[in-house]
Protein backbone atom coordinates (compact mmCIF):
# COMPACT_ATOMS: atom_id res chain seq x y z
CA MET A 1 74.07 158.87 103.11
CA PHE A 2 72.18 156.58 100.72
CA PHE A 3 69.94 154.88 103.31
CA CYS A 4 66.45 154.50 101.82
CA ASN A 5 67.49 157.11 99.29
CA GLY A 6 65.05 155.94 96.61
CA GLY A 7 62.09 156.47 98.92
CA LYS A 8 63.40 159.81 100.10
CA VAL A 9 63.69 161.04 96.50
CA VAL A 10 60.12 159.95 95.71
CA ASP A 11 58.85 161.46 98.96
CA LYS A 12 60.55 164.78 98.21
CA ARG A 13 59.25 164.85 94.63
CA LEU A 14 55.67 164.17 95.75
CA GLN A 15 55.86 167.14 98.11
CA GLU A 16 57.28 169.30 95.33
CA LEU A 17 54.23 168.38 93.24
CA GLY A 18 51.92 169.49 96.04
CA ALA A 19 51.31 166.29 98.00
CA GLN A 20 51.01 166.63 101.77
CA HIS A 21 51.84 164.08 104.46
CA PHE A 22 48.95 162.79 106.51
CA TYR A 23 51.40 160.50 108.32
CA GLU A 24 55.18 160.53 108.64
CA THR A 25 57.25 158.42 106.26
CA GLY A 26 58.75 155.21 107.69
CA LEU A 27 62.33 154.17 106.92
CA ALA A 28 63.26 150.58 107.78
CA ASP A 29 66.48 148.58 107.54
CA ASP A 30 66.43 144.79 107.23
CA CYS A 31 69.90 144.59 108.79
CA VAL A 32 68.53 145.62 112.18
CA GLY A 33 65.09 144.05 111.73
CA LEU A 34 62.16 145.40 109.76
CA GLU A 35 59.77 144.80 112.62
CA ILE A 36 61.50 147.45 114.76
CA VAL A 37 60.18 150.21 112.47
CA VAL A 38 57.51 148.53 110.36
CA GLU A 39 55.15 147.25 113.05
CA PRO A 40 55.00 150.48 115.08
CA TRP A 41 54.56 152.32 111.77
CA ILE A 42 51.58 150.13 110.83
CA ASP A 43 50.09 150.61 114.30
CA GLY A 44 50.27 154.36 113.88
CA LEU A 45 48.89 154.19 110.35
CA TRP A 46 45.42 153.10 111.48
CA LEU A 47 45.23 155.93 114.01
CA ALA A 48 46.34 158.39 111.35
CA LEU A 49 43.67 157.06 108.97
CA ARG A 50 41.10 157.40 111.71
CA ARG A 51 42.01 161.05 112.18
CA GLU A 52 41.90 161.69 108.44
CA PHE A 53 38.60 159.94 107.86
CA THR A 54 37.05 161.61 110.88
CA SER A 55 38.17 165.04 109.69
CA TRP A 56 36.89 164.36 106.20
CA ASN A 57 33.60 163.13 107.68
CA ILE A 58 33.34 160.36 105.11
CA LYS A 59 33.08 157.29 107.28
CA GLU A 60 30.35 155.95 104.99
CA ASP A 61 32.85 155.97 102.09
CA MET A 62 35.49 154.08 104.05
CA SER A 63 35.60 151.17 101.63
CA SER A 64 36.39 153.22 98.52
CA ASN A 65 39.05 155.26 100.28
CA LEU A 66 40.68 152.16 101.69
CA ARG A 67 40.92 150.74 98.20
CA ALA A 68 42.96 153.81 97.25
CA VAL A 69 45.13 153.36 100.36
CA SER A 70 45.67 149.65 99.68
CA ASN A 71 46.80 150.42 96.13
CA GLY A 72 49.32 153.04 97.18
CA VAL A 73 50.40 152.27 100.72
CA SER A 74 53.75 150.66 99.91
CA ALA A 75 54.88 153.59 97.81
CA MET A 76 54.28 156.02 100.64
CA THR A 77 56.24 154.17 103.32
CA VAL A 78 59.26 151.96 103.64
CA VAL A 79 61.66 151.55 100.73
CA PRO A 80 64.79 149.45 100.08
CA SER A 81 68.01 150.38 101.87
CA MET A 82 71.56 149.85 100.55
CA SER A 83 72.15 147.11 103.13
CA GLY A 84 69.35 144.90 101.91
CA ILE A 85 66.47 144.95 99.47
CA CYS A 86 63.68 145.24 101.97
CA SER A 87 60.45 147.19 102.13
CA LEU A 88 57.24 147.50 103.95
CA ASP A 89 55.65 146.09 100.84
CA SER A 90 57.28 142.72 101.61
CA GLU A 91 55.79 142.85 105.10
CA ILE A 92 52.22 143.71 104.03
CA GLN A 93 52.05 142.23 100.56
CA HIS A 94 49.73 139.51 101.82
CA LEU A 95 47.28 141.93 103.44
CA LYS A 96 43.95 141.84 101.66
CA LEU A 97 41.57 144.74 101.31
CA GLU A 98 39.28 143.03 103.80
CA ASP A 99 42.12 143.06 106.36
CA LEU A 100 42.63 146.79 105.83
CA GLU A 101 38.91 147.45 106.23
CA VAL A 102 38.69 145.38 109.40
CA LYS A 103 41.73 147.04 110.95
CA ALA A 104 40.66 150.57 110.08
CA THR A 105 37.13 149.93 111.33
CA ASP A 106 38.56 148.54 114.55
CA ALA A 107 40.71 151.64 114.89
CA LEU A 108 37.53 153.68 114.74
CA SER A 109 35.63 151.51 117.16
CA GLN A 110 38.64 150.76 119.42
CA LYS A 111 37.98 147.01 119.20
CA PRO A 112 40.72 144.40 118.58
CA ALA A 113 40.70 142.24 115.45
CA ASN A 114 41.67 138.60 114.85
CA VAL A 115 40.88 137.39 118.36
CA HIS A 116 42.31 133.95 119.08
CA SER A 117 41.81 131.58 121.99
CA VAL A 118 43.63 132.39 125.21
CA VAL A 119 46.20 129.98 126.59
CA SER A 120 46.82 130.18 130.31
CA VAL A 121 50.51 129.93 131.19
CA GLN A 122 51.59 129.52 134.77
CA ASP A 123 55.29 130.00 134.10
CA THR A 124 56.59 133.44 134.98
CA GLU A 125 59.46 133.57 132.49
CA ALA A 126 59.04 133.56 128.74
CA SER A 127 61.23 131.52 126.40
CA LEU A 128 61.31 130.50 122.75
CA ASP A 129 58.60 127.87 123.22
CA ARG A 130 56.70 129.43 126.11
CA SER A 131 54.92 132.73 126.63
CA VAL A 132 53.65 134.46 129.75
CA PRO A 133 50.92 137.01 130.41
CA PRO A 134 49.99 139.44 129.05
CA LEU A 135 51.02 138.00 125.65
CA SER A 136 49.72 134.51 126.42
CA GLN A 137 46.31 136.02 127.17
CA SER A 138 46.23 138.57 124.37
CA ALA A 139 44.25 138.65 121.19
CA LEU A 140 46.64 138.39 118.28
CA ASN A 141 47.02 140.11 114.95
CA ILE A 142 48.89 137.58 112.85
CA PRO A 143 50.04 137.96 109.24
CA ALA A 144 47.99 136.55 106.40
CA LEU A 145 49.06 133.05 105.41
CA PRO A 146 51.53 133.22 102.48
CA SER A 147 50.36 131.19 99.51
CA GLU A 148 52.55 128.22 98.66
CA TYR A 149 53.75 128.44 95.09
CA ILE A 150 56.27 125.62 94.53
CA ASP A 151 55.34 122.06 93.69
CA VAL A 152 57.96 119.43 94.61
CA GLN A 153 58.21 116.03 92.97
CA PHE A 154 60.76 113.36 93.84
CA GLN A 155 62.45 111.27 91.18
CA ASP A 156 64.89 108.40 91.41
CA SER A 157 68.54 109.38 91.57
CA THR A 158 70.42 109.50 88.26
CA GLY A 159 73.66 108.59 89.99
CA GLN A 160 75.33 111.75 88.70
CA GLU A 161 76.70 114.13 91.30
CA LEU A 162 76.37 117.86 90.71
CA SER A 163 79.46 120.04 90.94
CA VAL A 164 79.48 123.15 93.12
CA SER A 165 80.36 125.01 89.91
CA SER A 166 76.70 124.62 88.94
CA LEU A 167 75.83 127.02 91.76
CA ILE A 168 77.57 129.95 90.06
CA SER A 169 76.17 131.24 86.78
CA ASP A 170 78.10 134.49 86.36
CA GLY A 171 81.71 133.56 87.04
CA ILE A 172 84.44 130.93 86.77
CA VAL A 173 84.84 128.62 89.75
CA PHE A 174 88.34 127.48 90.66
CA HIS A 175 88.98 124.38 92.78
CA VAL A 176 92.30 125.09 94.46
CA PRO A 177 94.37 123.27 97.10
CA VAL A 178 95.07 124.69 100.55
CA THR A 179 98.85 124.65 100.93
CA LYS A 180 99.23 126.32 104.30
CA ALA A 181 97.23 126.95 107.48
CA VAL A 182 98.45 128.94 110.47
CA GLN A 183 96.72 129.94 113.70
CA LEU A 184 97.65 133.58 114.24
CA THR A 185 96.24 133.93 117.76
CA ARG A 186 97.12 132.25 121.03
CA GLU A 187 94.85 129.56 122.43
CA ASP A 188 93.62 131.90 125.19
CA ALA A 189 92.64 134.70 122.79
CA VAL A 190 88.98 135.75 122.73
CA LYS A 191 88.76 134.88 119.02
CA THR A 192 90.65 132.36 116.93
CA ALA A 193 92.19 133.84 113.78
CA LEU A 194 93.44 131.57 111.01
CA LEU A 195 95.51 132.29 107.92
CA LEU A 196 95.01 130.03 104.88
CA GLU A 197 97.14 129.94 101.77
CA LEU A 198 95.75 128.72 98.45
CA ASP A 199 97.74 127.57 95.45
CA ILE A 200 96.40 129.34 92.35
CA SER A 201 99.51 128.74 90.21
CA LYS A 202 97.76 126.26 87.92
CA THR A 203 94.71 128.45 87.33
CA THR A 204 93.90 131.69 85.53
CA PHE A 205 92.72 133.29 88.78
CA CYS A 206 94.37 136.68 89.25
CA TYR A 207 94.01 139.41 91.82
CA GLN A 208 95.41 142.69 93.15
CA PRO A 209 96.16 143.51 96.79
CA GLY A 210 92.89 144.68 98.33
CA ASP A 211 90.71 142.49 96.10
CA ALA A 212 88.11 140.25 97.68
CA PHE A 213 87.07 136.81 96.48
CA CYS A 214 84.34 134.36 97.39
CA VAL A 215 84.54 130.91 98.96
CA ILE A 216 81.73 128.47 98.16
CA CYS A 217 80.87 126.69 101.40
CA PRO A 218 78.39 123.99 102.42
CA ASN A 219 76.09 123.84 105.39
CA ASN A 220 77.31 121.78 108.32
CA PRO A 221 76.83 118.10 107.30
CA LYS A 222 75.66 117.05 110.78
CA GLU A 223 72.98 119.75 110.73
CA VAL A 224 71.91 118.68 107.24
CA GLN A 225 71.53 115.04 108.33
CA GLU A 226 69.64 116.10 111.44
CA LEU A 227 67.29 118.21 109.35
CA LEU A 228 66.72 115.34 106.93
CA HIS A 229 65.87 113.06 109.87
CA ILE A 230 63.46 115.49 111.54
CA LEU A 231 61.65 116.21 108.27
CA GLY A 232 61.41 112.49 107.45
CA LEU A 233 63.49 112.87 104.30
CA SER A 234 66.45 110.64 105.17
CA GLU A 235 65.31 107.86 102.86
CA ARG A 236 64.73 110.34 100.05
CA LYS A 237 67.95 112.32 100.39
CA GLU A 238 69.38 110.86 97.17
CA CYS A 239 66.19 111.53 95.20
CA VAL A 240 66.32 114.16 92.48
CA VAL A 241 63.98 117.07 93.17
CA CYS A 242 61.85 118.45 90.35
CA LEU A 243 60.51 121.93 91.05
CA LYS A 244 57.58 123.57 89.30
CA ILE A 245 55.58 126.72 89.93
CA LYS A 246 52.00 125.85 90.84
CA GLN A 247 49.49 126.88 88.19
CA ALA A 248 47.03 128.33 90.68
CA THR A 249 49.56 130.72 92.20
CA LYS A 250 49.97 134.39 91.33
CA LYS A 251 53.73 134.00 91.63
CA LYS A 252 55.45 134.83 88.37
CA GLY A 253 58.65 133.37 86.97
CA ALA A 254 60.38 130.02 87.06
CA ALA A 255 61.63 127.88 89.91
CA PRO A 256 64.42 129.35 92.08
CA GLU A 257 67.57 129.82 90.00
CA HIS A 258 69.86 129.03 92.95
CA ILE A 259 68.75 125.39 92.87
CA PRO A 260 70.35 123.68 89.83
CA LYS A 261 68.36 121.19 87.79
CA GLY A 262 69.09 117.64 88.86
CA SER A 263 69.67 118.58 92.52
CA THR A 264 69.01 115.92 95.12
CA VAL A 265 67.32 116.63 98.44
CA GLU A 266 70.67 116.39 100.22
CA PHE A 267 72.40 118.67 97.70
CA ILE A 268 69.72 121.34 98.14
CA LEU A 269 70.01 121.34 101.92
CA THR A 270 73.81 121.20 101.79
CA TRP A 271 74.68 123.72 99.08
CA CYS A 272 71.61 125.72 98.07
CA LEU A 273 69.63 126.87 101.13
CA GLU A 274 70.81 128.96 104.08
CA ILE A 275 69.46 126.63 106.77
CA ARG A 276 71.05 128.86 109.42
CA ALA A 277 69.02 131.88 108.32
CA VAL A 278 66.91 133.57 110.99
CA PRO A 279 63.28 132.69 110.12
CA LYS A 280 61.18 135.65 109.00
CA LYS A 281 57.71 136.14 110.41
CA ALA A 282 56.11 134.98 107.17
CA PHE A 283 57.97 131.67 107.57
CA LEU A 284 56.74 131.33 111.16
CA ARG A 285 53.20 131.96 109.97
CA ALA A 286 53.57 129.23 107.35
CA LEU A 287 54.99 126.80 109.93
CA VAL A 288 51.84 127.18 112.04
CA GLU A 289 49.90 125.21 109.41
CA TYR A 290 52.29 122.25 109.75
CA THR A 291 52.27 122.10 113.55
CA SER A 292 49.84 119.67 115.19
CA ASP A 293 50.11 120.56 118.87
CA ALA A 294 47.70 123.37 119.85
CA ARG A 295 50.09 124.92 122.38
CA GLU A 296 52.93 124.97 119.86
CA LYS A 297 50.66 126.47 117.19
CA ARG A 298 49.64 129.24 119.57
CA ARG A 299 53.25 130.06 120.44
CA LEU A 300 54.28 130.25 116.78
CA GLN A 301 51.30 132.54 116.17
CA GLU A 302 52.47 134.76 119.03
CA LEU A 303 56.01 134.95 117.67
CA CYS A 304 54.84 136.11 114.25
CA SER A 305 52.14 138.44 115.57
CA LYS A 306 52.22 142.17 116.07
CA GLN A 307 51.76 141.68 119.80
CA GLY A 308 54.69 139.27 119.95
CA ALA A 309 57.23 141.61 118.31
CA SER A 310 59.31 141.86 121.48
CA ASP A 311 59.40 138.08 121.93
CA TYR A 312 60.37 137.63 118.28
CA SER A 313 63.32 139.95 118.78
CA SER A 314 64.37 138.43 122.10
CA PHE A 315 64.03 134.75 121.26
CA ILE A 316 64.57 134.55 117.49
CA ARG A 317 66.20 137.56 115.83
CA ASP A 318 68.69 138.66 118.50
CA PRO A 319 70.05 135.16 119.33
CA SER A 320 70.09 134.23 115.60
CA ILE A 321 67.81 131.23 115.94
CA CYS A 322 67.57 129.00 112.87
CA LEU A 323 65.05 126.49 111.50
CA LEU A 324 66.72 123.57 113.29
CA ASP A 325 66.35 125.36 116.64
CA LEU A 326 62.66 125.94 115.92
CA LEU A 327 62.06 122.29 115.05
CA HIS A 328 63.67 121.25 118.34
CA ALA A 329 61.56 123.74 120.28
CA PHE A 330 58.35 122.78 118.44
CA PRO A 331 58.62 119.00 117.90
CA THR A 332 55.22 118.59 116.22
CA CYS A 333 56.19 121.04 113.47
CA ARG A 334 56.94 119.13 110.25
CA PRO A 335 57.13 121.43 107.23
CA PRO A 336 57.43 119.98 103.70
CA LEU A 337 60.48 120.59 101.53
CA ASN A 338 58.69 123.12 99.32
CA LEU A 339 58.15 125.38 102.34
CA LEU A 340 61.89 125.44 103.04
CA ILE A 341 62.66 126.25 99.42
CA GLU A 342 60.10 129.08 99.43
CA HIS A 343 61.21 130.70 102.70
CA LEU A 344 64.90 129.97 103.21
CA PRO A 345 67.27 132.30 101.31
CA LYS A 346 70.05 131.21 99.00
CA LEU A 347 73.21 129.95 100.69
CA GLN A 348 75.60 132.71 99.75
CA ALA A 349 79.31 132.24 99.10
CA ARG A 350 81.37 134.04 101.74
CA SER A 351 83.61 136.94 100.80
CA TYR A 352 87.18 137.38 102.07
CA SER A 353 89.89 139.96 101.42
CA ALA A 354 93.20 138.85 99.96
CA SER A 355 96.01 139.34 102.48
CA SER A 356 98.85 138.79 100.04
CA SER A 357 100.41 140.15 96.86
CA ASN A 358 100.82 138.03 93.74
CA LEU A 359 103.92 140.12 93.00
CA PHE A 360 105.42 139.24 96.37
CA GLN A 361 104.24 135.60 96.42
CA PRO A 362 103.54 134.46 92.85
CA GLY A 363 100.89 131.77 92.53
CA LYS A 364 99.74 132.15 96.14
CA LEU A 365 96.58 133.64 97.59
CA GLN A 366 96.34 134.16 101.34
CA PHE A 367 93.40 135.25 103.47
CA VAL A 368 92.65 135.62 107.17
CA PHE A 369 89.45 135.11 109.15
CA ASN A 370 88.15 134.78 112.68
CA VAL A 371 86.34 131.52 113.43
CA VAL A 372 82.85 132.77 114.29
CA GLU A 373 81.36 131.29 117.46
CA PHE A 374 77.67 131.10 118.41
CA PRO A 375 77.46 129.95 122.06
CA SER A 376 74.58 127.86 123.31
CA SER A 377 71.63 129.66 124.86
CA PRO A 378 68.16 128.87 126.21
CA SER A 379 66.86 129.14 122.64
CA ARG A 380 69.81 127.33 121.02
CA LEU A 381 70.68 124.11 122.83
CA VAL A 382 74.07 123.63 121.18
CA SER A 383 76.95 125.97 120.36
CA ARG A 384 77.83 126.40 116.70
CA LYS A 385 80.56 127.85 114.56
CA GLY A 386 80.03 130.06 111.52
CA VAL A 387 78.87 128.27 108.39
CA CYS A 388 81.99 129.02 106.35
CA THR A 389 84.57 129.77 109.04
CA GLY A 390 83.60 126.65 110.96
CA TRP A 391 83.82 124.53 107.81
CA LEU A 392 87.22 125.98 106.87
CA ALA A 393 88.56 125.51 110.40
CA GLU A 394 87.50 121.86 110.43
CA LEU A 395 88.84 121.35 106.91
CA VAL A 396 92.36 122.53 107.80
CA ALA A 397 92.46 121.21 111.37
CA PRO A 398 94.96 118.44 110.44
CA MET A 399 97.27 121.06 108.93
CA LEU A 400 97.44 122.86 112.27
CA GLN A 401 98.86 119.71 113.90
CA PRO A 402 102.68 119.70 113.55
CA HIS A 403 102.96 115.90 113.56
CA LYS A 404 100.89 115.46 110.39
CA LYS A 405 102.81 114.68 107.20
CA GLU A 406 102.41 117.23 104.41
CA GLU A 407 101.75 114.65 101.71
CA LYS A 408 98.44 113.84 103.38
CA LEU A 409 97.27 117.43 103.08
CA SER A 410 97.29 117.92 99.31
CA ALA A 411 93.70 116.66 98.98
CA VAL A 412 92.32 119.63 100.96
CA LYS A 413 90.68 121.91 98.38
CA VAL A 414 88.24 124.81 98.35
CA SER A 415 86.17 126.35 95.56
CA ILE A 416 86.58 130.07 94.94
CA PHE A 417 85.57 132.68 92.39
CA ALA A 418 86.47 136.31 91.84
CA ARG A 419 84.25 139.08 93.12
CA PRO A 420 83.12 141.90 90.83
CA ILE A 421 85.49 144.80 90.24
CA ASN A 422 86.76 146.31 93.45
CA THR A 423 88.16 149.83 94.07
CA PHE A 424 89.94 149.02 97.33
CA HIS A 425 93.37 149.20 95.70
CA LEU A 426 96.70 150.93 96.21
CA PRO A 427 97.06 154.37 94.60
CA SER A 428 98.14 154.03 90.98
CA ASP A 429 100.83 156.67 91.64
CA PRO A 430 103.34 155.20 94.16
CA SER A 431 104.33 158.71 95.30
CA VAL A 432 100.87 159.30 96.79
CA PRO A 433 100.93 158.87 100.60
CA PHE A 434 98.26 156.72 102.22
CA MET A 435 96.93 155.77 105.63
CA MET A 436 95.48 152.40 106.59
CA VAL A 437 93.17 151.59 109.50
CA GLY A 438 92.74 147.89 110.20
CA PRO A 439 92.14 146.56 113.72
CA GLY A 440 91.97 142.79 114.23
CA THR A 441 91.54 140.84 110.99
CA GLY A 442 90.90 144.20 109.31
CA VAL A 443 94.68 144.40 108.89
CA SER A 444 94.49 141.52 106.40
CA PRO A 445 94.34 143.43 103.06
CA PHE A 446 97.01 145.86 104.25
CA ILE A 447 99.52 143.03 104.57
CA GLY A 448 99.01 142.54 100.83
CA PHE A 449 99.41 146.30 100.30
CA LEU A 450 102.72 146.33 102.17
CA GLN A 451 104.03 143.16 100.53
CA HIS A 452 103.31 144.74 97.14
CA ARG A 453 104.91 148.04 98.13
CA GLN A 454 108.02 146.27 99.44
CA LYS A 455 108.47 144.39 96.17
CA LEU A 456 108.01 147.57 94.13
CA GLN A 457 110.60 149.39 96.22
CA GLU A 458 113.05 146.52 95.71
CA GLU A 459 112.52 146.45 91.94
CA HIS A 460 112.31 150.22 91.32
CA THR A 461 114.91 151.95 93.44
CA ASP A 462 114.63 155.11 91.34
CA TRP A 463 110.90 155.59 92.02
CA LYS A 464 109.56 158.04 94.56
CA PHE A 465 107.31 156.42 97.15
CA GLY A 466 104.89 158.24 99.43
CA GLU A 467 104.76 157.70 103.18
CA THR A 468 102.62 154.90 104.59
CA TRP A 469 100.71 154.75 107.88
CA LEU A 470 99.03 151.82 109.60
CA PHE A 471 96.73 152.12 112.61
CA PHE A 472 96.30 148.66 114.12
CA GLY A 473 94.53 147.52 117.27
CA CYS A 474 93.57 144.33 119.08
CA ARG A 475 92.59 143.19 122.57
CA HIS A 476 95.89 141.89 123.95
CA GLN A 477 99.42 142.46 122.69
CA ASP A 478 100.55 138.92 123.57
CA ARG A 479 97.42 137.04 122.43
CA ASP A 480 96.03 138.48 119.20
CA TYR A 481 98.56 140.90 117.73
CA LEU A 482 98.25 139.63 114.15
CA PHE A 483 101.31 139.78 111.85
CA ARG A 484 103.45 141.35 114.59
CA ASP A 485 106.76 140.14 113.13
CA GLU A 486 105.78 141.03 109.57
CA LEU A 487 104.75 144.56 110.56
CA ARG A 488 108.00 145.15 112.44
CA SER A 489 109.90 143.95 109.39
CA PHE A 490 107.98 146.38 107.14
CA VAL A 491 108.92 149.23 109.49
CA GLU A 492 112.59 148.17 109.59
CA ASN A 493 112.97 147.96 105.80
CA GLY A 494 111.18 151.26 105.24
CA THR A 495 108.06 149.86 103.57
CA LEU A 496 105.86 151.08 106.46
CA THR A 497 106.71 154.62 107.56
CA HIS A 498 104.49 154.82 110.65
CA LEU A 499 102.97 152.01 112.75
CA LYS A 500 100.50 153.01 115.48
CA VAL A 501 99.17 150.18 117.66
CA CYS A 502 96.81 149.97 120.63
CA PHE A 503 95.52 147.17 122.85
CA SER A 504 92.04 147.67 124.24
CA ARG A 505 92.15 145.09 127.06
CA ASP A 506 95.73 145.59 128.25
CA PRO A 507 96.50 148.09 131.03
CA PRO A 508 98.16 151.25 129.69
CA ALA A 509 101.93 151.42 129.79
CA ALA A 510 103.39 153.60 132.55
CA ALA A 511 105.16 155.81 130.02
CA GLU A 512 102.00 156.59 128.06
CA LYS A 513 100.90 160.20 128.55
CA LYS A 514 97.63 159.67 126.69
CA PRO A 515 96.60 155.99 126.83
CA THR A 516 94.89 154.74 123.68
CA LYS A 517 92.41 151.88 123.58
CA TYR A 518 91.10 151.99 120.04
CA VAL A 519 92.41 152.90 116.59
CA GLN A 520 90.40 156.11 116.51
CA ASP A 521 92.27 157.28 119.63
CA ASN A 522 95.59 157.02 117.80
CA ILE A 523 94.11 158.68 114.72
CA ARG A 524 93.03 161.59 116.89
CA LEU A 525 96.54 161.88 118.35
CA CYS A 526 97.86 162.15 114.78
CA ALA A 527 95.22 164.68 113.71
CA LYS A 528 97.68 167.14 112.13
CA GLU A 529 99.34 164.42 110.08
CA VAL A 530 95.97 163.03 108.98
CA ALA A 531 94.80 166.45 107.81
CA ARG A 532 98.12 167.05 106.03
CA VAL A 533 98.06 163.73 104.16
CA LEU A 534 94.41 164.06 103.11
CA LEU A 535 94.06 167.76 102.38
CA LYS A 536 97.50 169.10 101.50
CA GLU A 537 99.14 166.06 99.91
CA ARG A 538 95.94 164.57 98.44
CA GLY A 539 96.65 161.17 99.94
CA CYS A 540 94.35 158.20 100.43
CA PHE A 541 92.68 156.82 103.56
CA TYR A 542 91.68 153.14 103.83
CA VAL A 543 89.50 151.53 106.50
CA CYS A 544 88.92 147.79 106.86
CA GLY A 545 86.99 145.94 109.56
CA ASP A 546 83.80 146.20 111.59
CA ALA A 547 81.21 148.53 110.08
CA LYS A 548 78.88 148.88 113.03
CA HIS A 549 81.29 150.36 115.57
CA MET A 550 84.88 150.81 114.40
CA ALA A 551 84.24 152.23 110.93
CA LYS A 552 81.60 154.62 112.28
CA ASP A 553 83.89 155.81 115.08
CA VAL A 554 86.76 156.32 112.63
CA ASN A 555 84.45 158.26 110.32
CA ASP A 556 83.31 160.50 113.19
CA THR A 557 86.95 161.06 114.17
CA LEU A 558 87.83 162.10 110.63
CA VAL A 559 84.94 164.57 110.61
CA ASP A 560 86.23 166.11 113.84
CA ILE A 561 89.79 166.33 112.47
CA LEU A 562 88.73 167.93 109.19
CA SER A 563 86.39 170.32 110.99
CA SER A 564 89.11 171.42 113.40
CA ASP A 565 91.84 171.75 110.78
CA ALA A 566 89.77 173.80 108.34
CA GLY A 567 87.93 175.76 111.03
CA VAL A 568 84.52 174.77 109.67
CA ASP A 569 81.46 173.17 111.19
CA LYS A 570 80.88 169.42 111.08
CA LEU A 571 78.45 169.65 108.18
CA GLU A 572 81.15 171.18 105.97
CA ALA A 573 83.63 168.57 107.20
CA MET A 574 81.18 165.83 106.26
CA LYS A 575 80.90 167.34 102.77
CA THR A 576 84.69 167.27 102.49
CA LEU A 577 84.71 163.60 103.51
CA ALA A 578 81.99 162.89 100.94
CA THR A 579 84.18 164.51 98.28
CA LEU A 580 87.07 162.26 99.31
CA ARG A 581 84.79 159.27 98.83
CA GLN A 582 83.81 160.42 95.36
CA GLU A 583 87.46 160.90 94.46
CA LYS A 584 88.21 157.34 95.66
CA ARG A 585 90.56 158.72 98.30
CA TYR A 586 88.48 157.58 101.30
CA LEU A 587 87.86 153.87 100.82
CA GLN A 588 86.22 151.31 103.08
CA ASP A 589 86.14 147.51 103.10
CA VAL A 590 83.83 146.85 106.02
CA TRP A 591 81.40 144.18 107.16
CA ALA A 592 78.55 143.93 109.65
């Protein structure tokens, strides 16, 4: 609903003031890759300009008109989306007026610009480090070289180690021990789910069921050491890095705030930079200048070019290739540290939902996560685990071994901080009914909900409590049915009124009249109850889990249910759902 909303508002207002489109507006989303929309949009722009200039019959005034276009092009096209601050402006900010003039002139004359030497490739299959015709024989349009703006100076180590607390400027960091670790899934499950329990009893950290918090995590130490070795920085890893903005640059502001003063080279690569980030095309263009082999330079140029958009998607963006993979594929590429600082994003703390209630378990904070796996591929020679989930899994591995003595485990600590105010909370009125949808680890916050509700019911026997529903799903009942015993217990003691489960990879039971594979199937079977709880009893509806598929499918199912119950079209049903959002009665905690 809010996708690129700022640009849409401006676009609408311009038309209200009398402006007319000469070319359709482009809307791009960084989550799926800007190049998918941006590059075809730019291609079409030159043809649209050609038509306009031809119709105006002012080819001789091309230069002055292009100056007007270059000053206003970003405002007329792609704007930031809610899922990431991204715009066409970031893609074309390095284009100079001369580039615009050359491209528009070429559009008129039908001649390619920026012709580079042709490399003949005999191989018939493309890969990360190898191209095939026609790309290997094509002229390339490559981005303008981004100007370097950071100056790096190395100083002798002061011997003082920085704390991870220095990474967070707007919150209190708590260093808390891990007191419990449990594997919730069987060894043969598709994904490994772990539950960790933190002891917060000696801190001021507080939370409500449904709250999320952040875990500060480092990059994989082996990858950091490998990167130091490849870049020739191993002997300087303990040196303090002094960062300054170059005087000749047009870049405004101070050095990156996510790199604390006094950071060493190793600290920066371990705690400050997302070395696993998928390299943007501007980064690839910058790497070309630090690659000595001609064949490698050409391939990097192809990958960041307009003509190589498909290869960029296939060999870099889709398989989530990182800088380390590129340096293995292009061994003569040796970028300096300042280039990494300029192009790699900040290493973000990872967010997790609390799966416990402080009322039910005072002084304890539990959370659940799947250990993310990245299998090896032709572009990535080694398999990897998620930055944070892999680190946490390795950190608590001894705790998962039953023969280990507990006294040896007290040293295992993690650093956490509270997330900004969250609205994913239980209804303030306990008599309000609510429904929860949480397949897989999406059930995590609802365990906290139910723990809290159980404790309230035990302490306040005279209160009226509304009915509770949980729609849960997983692949296999005997492999990854998370919190099975706890959920059955909630049903038995009356905390959970209705439990609807489904198993997408198990064969349907013989007694099932309408087999269900996914949570939305069970929601549809309970359509009358869903409509009653939401519309007649003004209840709440919570969704937690995958945003791309599950949450969208659940949303579509709700639209169908509301449309059918009220006898209105889907547009009216969508408006009703939007009202529920505004009233904080349709709440989502979802992730990509």
